[in-house]
């Protein structure tokens, strides 16, 4: 049973064709003495009807404007404020996630006790990490350090006053909207906090390599845009990630290939750089308390991710240079959920 602070908390759920995952998500919040708003992005599986039947207020996004997770969350928050003008905290949650019992009570209590905190998040776990290697990798990815953080993911509780102050999410961003919001919050003096508490069960349902590949493309796209927006010397947002992708995904391969003929293949020795990168990521995983097989597995896939993320960087720069409209990069097939709202591997962010 989820414990709630009466009258202080509302929940905004966003989704698209989540099916049974949405039922689990809304069942965990509806009918528990708080306002729940579900924002639907043109689902075709009856998600809106299901949400109404479970007791949620439903907002269906206008088809005339492009769908983004940021736009959906803003629309849900606007509806929440209209229903409950006195709401103080808002819990954002993706439709493929289920809030864990007692999370809302823990998170809201911390926000009550620490007025400088604008955003609080906890542990996100994969519901079925054994179902595929990609789910398992995500479960490792969610294992992030606790304490003061630079940004949060799509599932987080926010102080309404802080959210209002910065104008909510940037609806034009197709990915990386949560870190971008957190940059603006920190610039206003607010704190982002991650605590050691179970927050949500996440159902990635990723079973195919091409899904993982496209997810990495989207992450590379988000890093590129984040660096353009806030890559100045003061913030350096996403600059490290972009430099890492450019070096490992573009520069080093070109150097190796370009020198292969004049050096009679000696340049292939530079491939040893990837072994160094592997060692660094593996060492970090072991430091985090992962098993040796998990640390090795994650290091290998983190290196491989440099190449689809390179595609994402190039895609962003191409669209920006040609002034083409940004379009959501989905990595799940038709009839499943909308794209995830994360920003790449947290481990890779600091150690690649």
Protein backbone atom coordinates (compact mmCIF):
# COMPACT_ATOMS: atom_id res chain seq x y z
CA UNK A 1 0.00 0.00 0.00
CA UNK A 2 1.44 3.38 -1.01
CA UNK A 3 1.40 5.93 1.80
CA UNK A 4 0.67 9.49 0.77
CA UNK A 5 0.79 12.97 2.21
CA UNK A 6 -2.86 14.08 2.00
CA UNK A 7 -3.52 16.93 -0.37
CA UNK A 8 0.12 17.62 -1.16
CA UNK A 9 0.96 15.19 -3.94
CA UNK A 10 -0.20 14.50 -7.47
CA UNK A 11 1.01 12.00 -10.05
CA UNK A 12 1.52 12.51 -13.79
CA UNK A 13 1.84 9.36 -15.89
CA UNK A 14 2.76 9.48 -19.57
CA UNK A 15 2.55 6.65 -22.07
CA UNK A 16 1.72 5.26 -25.45
CA UNK A 17 0.47 1.75 -26.11
CA UNK A 18 1.73 0.43 -22.78
CA UNK A 19 -1.00 -2.21 -22.40
CA UNK A 20 -0.65 -4.31 -19.26
CA UNK A 21 2.26 -2.21 -18.08
CA UNK A 22 -0.02 0.82 -17.92
CA UNK A 23 -2.54 -1.17 -15.90
CA UNK A 24 0.15 -2.02 -13.34
CA UNK A 25 1.38 1.58 -13.34
CA UNK A 26 -2.01 3.18 -12.75
CA UNK A 27 -3.18 0.52 -10.30
CA UNK A 28 -0.28 1.53 -8.08
CA UNK A 29 -1.42 5.16 -7.87
CA UNK A 30 -5.14 5.43 -8.59
CA UNK A 31 -7.61 5.37 -5.73
CA UNK A 32 -4.98 6.18 -3.10
CA UNK A 33 -6.06 9.64 -2.01
CA UNK A 34 -4.22 11.66 -4.64
CA UNK A 35 -4.86 13.09 -8.08
CA UNK A 36 -3.54 10.95 -10.94
CA UNK A 37 -3.31 12.36 -14.46
CA UNK A 38 -2.54 10.14 -17.44
CA UNK A 39 -1.29 11.75 -20.66
CA UNK A 40 -1.72 9.64 -23.78
CA UNK A 41 0.31 10.08 -26.96
CA UNK A 42 -2.05 8.67 -29.59
CA UNK A 43 -2.29 5.11 -28.27
CA UNK A 44 -4.18 2.56 -30.34
CA UNK A 45 -4.58 -0.08 -27.63
CA UNK A 46 -7.33 1.53 -25.55
CA UNK A 47 -4.95 3.06 -23.03
CA UNK A 48 -7.11 6.15 -22.49
CA UNK A 49 -10.22 4.08 -21.76
CA UNK A 50 -8.24 1.89 -19.38
CA UNK A 51 -6.91 4.93 -17.53
CA UNK A 52 -10.41 6.40 -17.13
CA UNK A 53 -11.74 3.07 -15.88
CA UNK A 54 -9.01 2.99 -13.24
CA UNK A 55 -9.88 6.49 -12.06
CA UNK A 56 -7.22 8.67 -13.67
CA UNK A 57 -7.82 12.02 -15.30
CA UNK A 58 -6.91 11.63 -18.99
CA UNK A 59 -5.25 14.13 -21.31
CA UNK A 60 -4.97 13.15 -24.98
CA UNK A 61 -2.31 15.12 -26.80
CA UNK A 62 -3.32 17.07 -29.89
CA UNK A 63 -2.09 15.35 -33.06
CA UNK A 64 -1.36 18.70 -34.72
CA UNK A 65 1.87 19.06 -32.71
CA UNK A 66 4.80 16.62 -32.50
CA UNK A 67 4.76 14.24 -29.55
CA UNK A 68 7.58 14.49 -27.02
CA UNK A 69 7.82 13.19 -23.48
CA UNK A 70 8.52 16.75 -22.32
CA UNK A 71 5.35 18.05 -23.95
CA UNK A 72 3.33 15.20 -22.42
CA UNK A 73 4.65 15.86 -18.91
CA UNK A 74 3.95 19.58 -19.19
CA UNK A 75 0.40 18.87 -20.35
CA UNK A 76 -0.13 16.48 -17.47
CA UNK A 77 1.20 18.98 -14.96
CA UNK A 78 -1.06 21.72 -16.35
CA UNK A 79 -4.07 19.43 -15.89
CA UNK A 80 -2.94 18.51 -12.41
CA UNK A 81 -2.69 22.17 -11.42
CA UNK A 82 -6.14 22.85 -12.84
CA UNK A 83 -7.63 20.05 -10.76
CA UNK A 84 -5.61 20.77 -7.62
CA UNK A 85 -4.18 24.32 -7.52
CA UNK A 86 -2.67 23.69 -4.08
CA UNK A 87 -0.58 20.68 -5.09
CA UNK A 88 2.96 20.98 -3.70
CA UNK A 89 4.74 17.93 -5.08
CA UNK A 90 4.35 16.09 -8.38
CA UNK A 91 5.52 12.56 -9.06
CA UNK A 92 6.33 11.98 -12.73
CA UNK A 93 6.31 8.35 -13.82
CA UNK A 94 6.51 6.62 -17.17
CA UNK A 95 3.71 4.27 -18.14
CA UNK A 96 6.00 1.25 -18.24
CA UNK A 97 6.97 1.73 -14.59
CA UNK A 98 5.25 0.86 -11.32
CA UNK A 99 5.77 2.93 -8.19
CA UNK A 100 7.07 0.90 -5.28
CA UNK A 101 5.17 0.84 -1.99
CA UNK A 102 6.19 3.58 0.46
CA UNK A 103 8.22 5.54 -2.12
CA UNK A 104 5.88 8.53 -2.21
CA UNK A 105 5.85 8.78 1.58
CA UNK A 106 9.66 8.63 1.76
CA UNK A 107 10.22 11.10 -1.06
CA UNK A 108 7.66 13.65 0.06
CA UNK A 109 9.03 13.51 3.61
CA UNK A 110 12.51 14.39 2.32
CA UNK A 111 11.10 17.29 0.30
CA UNK A 112 9.32 18.53 3.43
CA UNK A 113 12.51 18.34 5.48
CA UNK A 114 14.89 19.78 2.88
CA UNK A 115 13.48 22.93 1.24
CA UNK A 116 16.52 23.33 -1.01
CA UNK A 117 15.73 20.10 -2.88
CA UNK A 118 13.75 20.49 -6.10
CA UNK A 119 13.91 16.91 -7.40
CA UNK A 120 14.21 13.61 -5.59
CA UNK A 121 14.62 10.20 -7.15
CA UNK A 122 15.45 6.70 -5.94
CA UNK A 123 16.27 3.24 -7.21
CA UNK A 124 14.84 2.12 -10.53
CA UNK A 125 14.89 -1.64 -11.04
CA UNK A 126 14.13 -3.74 -14.07
CA UNK A 127 11.11 -6.00 -13.48
CA UNK A 128 12.51 -8.81 -15.64
CA UNK A 129 16.31 -8.41 -15.81
CA UNK A 130 16.70 -12.08 -16.71
CA UNK A 131 14.43 -11.80 -19.76
CA UNK A 132 17.15 -10.49 -22.08
CA UNK A 133 20.71 -9.23 -22.02
CA UNK A 134 19.40 -5.74 -22.77
CA UNK A 135 17.11 -5.75 -19.74
CA UNK A 136 20.03 -6.95 -17.64
CA UNK A 137 22.25 -4.17 -18.94
CA UNK A 138 19.57 -1.61 -18.12
CA UNK A 139 19.26 -2.99 -14.60
CA UNK A 140 22.97 -2.37 -14.14
CA UNK A 141 22.59 1.08 -15.68
CA UNK A 142 19.96 2.07 -13.15
CA UNK A 143 22.37 1.29 -10.29
CA UNK A 144 23.54 4.87 -9.86
CA UNK A 145 25.34 6.48 -6.89
CA UNK A 146 23.17 8.05 -4.21
CA UNK A 147 23.50 11.60 -2.90
CA UNK A 148 23.43 14.97 -4.63
CA UNK A 149 23.19 14.46 -8.40
CA UNK A 150 23.38 16.54 -11.55
CA UNK A 151 20.21 15.16 -13.08
CA UNK A 152 17.36 12.70 -12.74
CA UNK A 153 15.52 10.35 -15.08
CA UNK A 154 11.90 10.27 -16.18
CA UNK A 155 10.67 8.92 -12.84
CA UNK A 156 11.13 11.52 -10.13
CA UNK A 157 9.24 13.59 -7.58
CA UNK A 158 9.52 17.35 -8.01
CA UNK A 159 8.70 20.38 -5.93
CA UNK A 160 5.95 22.24 -7.76
CA UNK A 161 7.32 25.68 -6.85
CA UNK A 162 10.69 24.84 -8.40
CA UNK A 163 9.11 23.25 -11.47
CA UNK A 164 6.99 26.36 -12.02
CA UNK A 165 9.96 28.67 -11.51
CA UNK A 166 11.91 27.25 -14.46
CA UNK A 167 8.88 26.83 -16.70
CA UNK A 168 8.74 23.03 -16.73
CA UNK A 169 10.25 20.79 -19.38
CA UNK A 170 11.44 22.04 -22.74
CA UNK A 171 8.77 20.58 -25.08
CA UNK A 172 11.02 20.88 -28.14
CA UNK A 173 13.49 18.27 -26.92
CA UNK A 174 12.97 14.75 -28.25
CA UNK A 175 15.33 13.23 -25.66
CA UNK A 176 17.35 14.28 -22.61
CA UNK A 177 14.62 16.60 -21.35
CA UNK A 178 15.10 15.64 -17.68
CA UNK A 179 18.82 16.52 -17.50
CA UNK A 180 18.10 19.77 -19.35
CA UNK A 181 15.44 20.66 -16.78
CA UNK A 182 17.85 19.80 -13.98
CA UNK A 183 20.48 22.13 -15.45
CA UNK A 184 18.03 25.02 -15.25
CA UNK A 185 16.99 24.07 -11.72
CA UNK A 186 20.59 23.93 -10.52
CA UNK A 187 21.27 27.29 -12.16
CA UNK A 188 18.52 28.70 -9.94
CA UNK A 189 20.16 27.27 -6.83
CA UNK A 190 18.04 24.13 -6.44
CA UNK A 191 19.42 20.69 -5.55
CA UNK A 192 18.79 17.32 -7.24
CA UNK A 193 18.90 14.41 -4.79
CA UNK A 194 19.03 10.65 -5.27
CA UNK A 195 18.28 8.59 -2.16
CA UNK A 196 18.83 4.92 -1.33
CA UNK A 197 15.18 3.88 -1.58
CA UNK A 198 13.28 1.70 -4.01
CA UNK A 199 11.29 3.94 -6.37
CA UNK A 200 9.93 2.07 -9.41
CA UNK A 201 9.93 -1.25 -11.21
CA UNK A 202 10.64 -0.65 -14.88
CA UNK A 203 9.60 -3.00 -17.68
CA UNK A 204 11.93 -2.30 -20.57
CA UNK A 205 10.77 -5.33 -22.60
CA UNK A 206 13.77 -5.04 -24.90
CA UNK A 207 14.55 -8.29 -26.68
CA UNK A 208 16.23 -7.33 -29.97
CA UNK A 209 19.63 -5.93 -30.84
CA UNK A 210 18.19 -3.30 -33.16
CA UNK A 211 16.14 -1.89 -30.24
CA UNK A 212 19.28 -1.49 -28.17
CA UNK A 213 21.07 0.04 -31.18
CA UNK A 214 18.36 2.64 -31.78
CA UNK A 215 18.22 3.46 -28.07
CA UNK A 216 21.95 4.23 -28.22
CA UNK A 217 21.39 6.38 -31.32
CA UNK A 218 18.81 8.38 -29.38
CA UNK A 219 21.19 8.77 -26.45
CA UNK A 220 23.92 10.08 -28.75
CA UNK A 221 21.43 12.52 -30.22
CA UNK A 222 20.52 13.73 -26.71
CA UNK A 223 24.17 14.18 -25.71
CA UNK A 224 24.84 16.25 -28.82
CA UNK A 225 21.87 18.52 -28.19
CA UNK A 226 22.69 18.84 -24.48
CA UNK A 227 26.22 19.97 -25.29
CA UNK A 228 24.93 22.56 -27.75
CA UNK A 229 22.46 23.96 -25.22
CA UNK A 230 24.65 24.00 -22.11
CA UNK A 231 28.18 23.12 -23.15
CA UNK A 232 29.64 26.46 -22.07
CA UNK A 233 32.63 26.42 -19.67
CA UNK A 234 30.42 27.10 -16.65
CA UNK A 235 28.12 24.09 -17.07
CA UNK A 236 29.92 21.74 -19.51
CA UNK A 237 26.70 19.77 -19.84
CA UNK A 238 27.25 16.58 -21.91
CA UNK A 239 30.62 17.84 -23.18
CA UNK A 240 32.52 14.89 -21.71
CA UNK A 241 30.09 12.42 -23.27
CA UNK A 242 30.29 14.04 -26.70
CA UNK A 243 34.09 14.15 -26.62
CA UNK A 244 34.19 10.50 -25.59
CA UNK A 245 31.87 9.45 -28.42
CA UNK A 246 33.80 11.51 -30.98
CA UNK A 247 37.14 10.05 -29.90
CA UNK A 248 36.15 6.38 -29.59
CA UNK A 249 33.50 6.33 -32.30
CA UNK A 250 35.02 8.61 -34.96
CA UNK A 251 38.58 9.83 -34.39
CA UNK A 252 40.32 6.62 -33.31
CA UNK A 253 38.71 4.40 -35.99
CA UNK A 254 39.62 6.95 -38.69
CA UNK A 255 43.20 7.17 -37.45
CA UNK A 256 43.54 3.39 -37.42
CA UNK A 257 42.09 3.01 -40.92
CA UNK A 258 43.90 6.04 -42.34
CA UNK A 259 47.30 4.82 -41.17
CA UNK A 260 46.74 1.14 -41.94
CA UNK A 261 48.26 1.33 -45.45
CA UNK A 262 51.26 3.61 -44.80
CA UNK A 263 52.13 1.71 -41.58
CA UNK A 264 51.53 -1.70 -43.19
CA UNK A 265 48.91 -2.50 -40.58
CA UNK A 266 50.90 -1.35 -37.56
CA UNK A 267 48.18 1.18 -36.78
CA UNK A 268 45.96 -1.73 -35.80
CA UNK A 269 47.91 -1.76 -32.57
CA UNK A 270 45.93 1.32 -31.60
CA UNK A 271 42.96 -0.98 -31.11
CA UNK A 272 44.59 -1.59 -27.74
CA UNK A 273 43.01 1.69 -26.70
CA UNK A 274 39.67 -0.06 -26.54
CA UNK A 275 41.21 -2.58 -24.13
CA UNK A 276 42.18 0.33 -21.89
CA UNK A 277 38.64 1.67 -22.06
CA UNK A 278 37.31 -1.79 -21.24
CA UNK A 279 39.58 -1.99 -18.21
CA UNK A 280 38.47 1.41 -16.92
CA UNK A 281 34.74 0.62 -17.19
CA UNK A 282 35.20 -2.86 -15.74
CA UNK A 283 37.13 -1.42 -12.80
CA UNK A 284 34.34 1.07 -12.13
CA UNK A 285 31.75 -1.72 -12.19
CA UNK A 286 33.74 -3.72 -9.66
CA UNK A 287 34.05 -0.61 -7.51
CA UNK A 288 30.25 -0.30 -7.61
CA UNK A 289 30.00 -3.78 -6.15
CA UNK A 290 28.96 -5.61 -9.32
CA UNK A 291 30.01 -9.18 -9.93
CA UNK A 292 33.01 -9.73 -12.21
CA UNK A 293 30.84 -11.17 -15.04
CA UNK A 294 28.47 -8.17 -14.83
CA UNK A 295 31.37 -5.71 -14.88
CA UNK A 296 32.87 -7.42 -17.92
CA UNK A 297 29.55 -7.60 -19.72
CA UNK A 298 28.74 -3.96 -19.14
CA UNK A 299 32.20 -2.80 -20.20
CA UNK A 300 31.94 -4.65 -23.52
CA UNK A 301 28.51 -3.25 -24.36
CA UNK A 302 29.49 0.22 -23.22
CA UNK A 303 32.33 0.21 -25.76
CA UNK A 304 30.06 -1.10 -28.49
CA UNK A 305 27.55 1.67 -27.71
CA UNK A 306 30.05 4.28 -28.90
CA UNK A 307 29.26 3.44 -32.51
CA UNK A 308 25.46 3.84 -32.53
CA UNK A 309 25.88 6.92 -30.34
CA UNK A 310 28.18 8.27 -33.03
CA UNK A 311 25.30 7.83 -35.46
CA UNK A 312 23.13 9.82 -33.05
CA UNK A 313 25.65 12.67 -32.90
CA UNK A 314 25.90 12.85 -36.68
CA UNK A 315 22.11 12.71 -37.00
CA UNK A 316 21.72 15.66 -34.63
CA UNK A 317 24.40 17.74 -36.36
CA UNK A 318 22.93 16.95 -39.78
CA UNK A 319 19.41 17.93 -38.75
CA UNK A 320 20.71 21.08 -37.09
CA UNK A 321 22.81 22.07 -40.11
CA UNK A 322 19.95 21.47 -42.54
CA UNK A 323 17.31 23.03 -40.24
CA UNK A 324 15.23 19.86 -40.42
CA UNK A 325 12.60 19.30 -37.72
CA UNK A 326 13.60 16.97 -34.92
CA UNK A 327 11.66 13.72 -34.81
CA UNK A 328 11.33 11.24 -31.97
CA UNK A 329 13.69 8.28 -32.32
CA UNK A 330 11.68 5.26 -31.18
CA UNK A 331 13.34 2.02 -30.33
CA UNK A 332 10.38 -0.19 -29.55
CA UNK A 333 8.18 -1.82 -32.14
CA UNK A 334 4.59 -0.98 -32.94
CA UNK A 335 2.11 -1.93 -30.29
CA UNK A 336 4.53 -1.46 -27.43
CA UNK A 337 5.57 1.44 -25.33
CA UNK A 338 6.83 4.84 -26.31
CA UNK A 339 10.56 5.52 -26.16
CA UNK A 340 12.23 5.57 -22.76
CA UNK A 341 13.08 8.86 -21.14
CA UNK A 342 16.60 8.17 -19.98
CA UNK A 343 19.87 9.68 -21.10
CA UNK A 344 22.22 6.85 -21.83
CA UNK A 345 24.42 4.87 -19.56
CA UNK A 346 25.21 6.52 -16.24
CA UNK A 347 28.34 4.41 -15.91
CA UNK A 348 29.53 5.31 -19.39
CA UNK A 349 28.87 8.98 -18.66
CA UNK A 350 31.70 9.22 -16.18
CA UNK A 351 34.09 6.47 -17.18
CA UNK A 352 34.32 6.26 -20.96
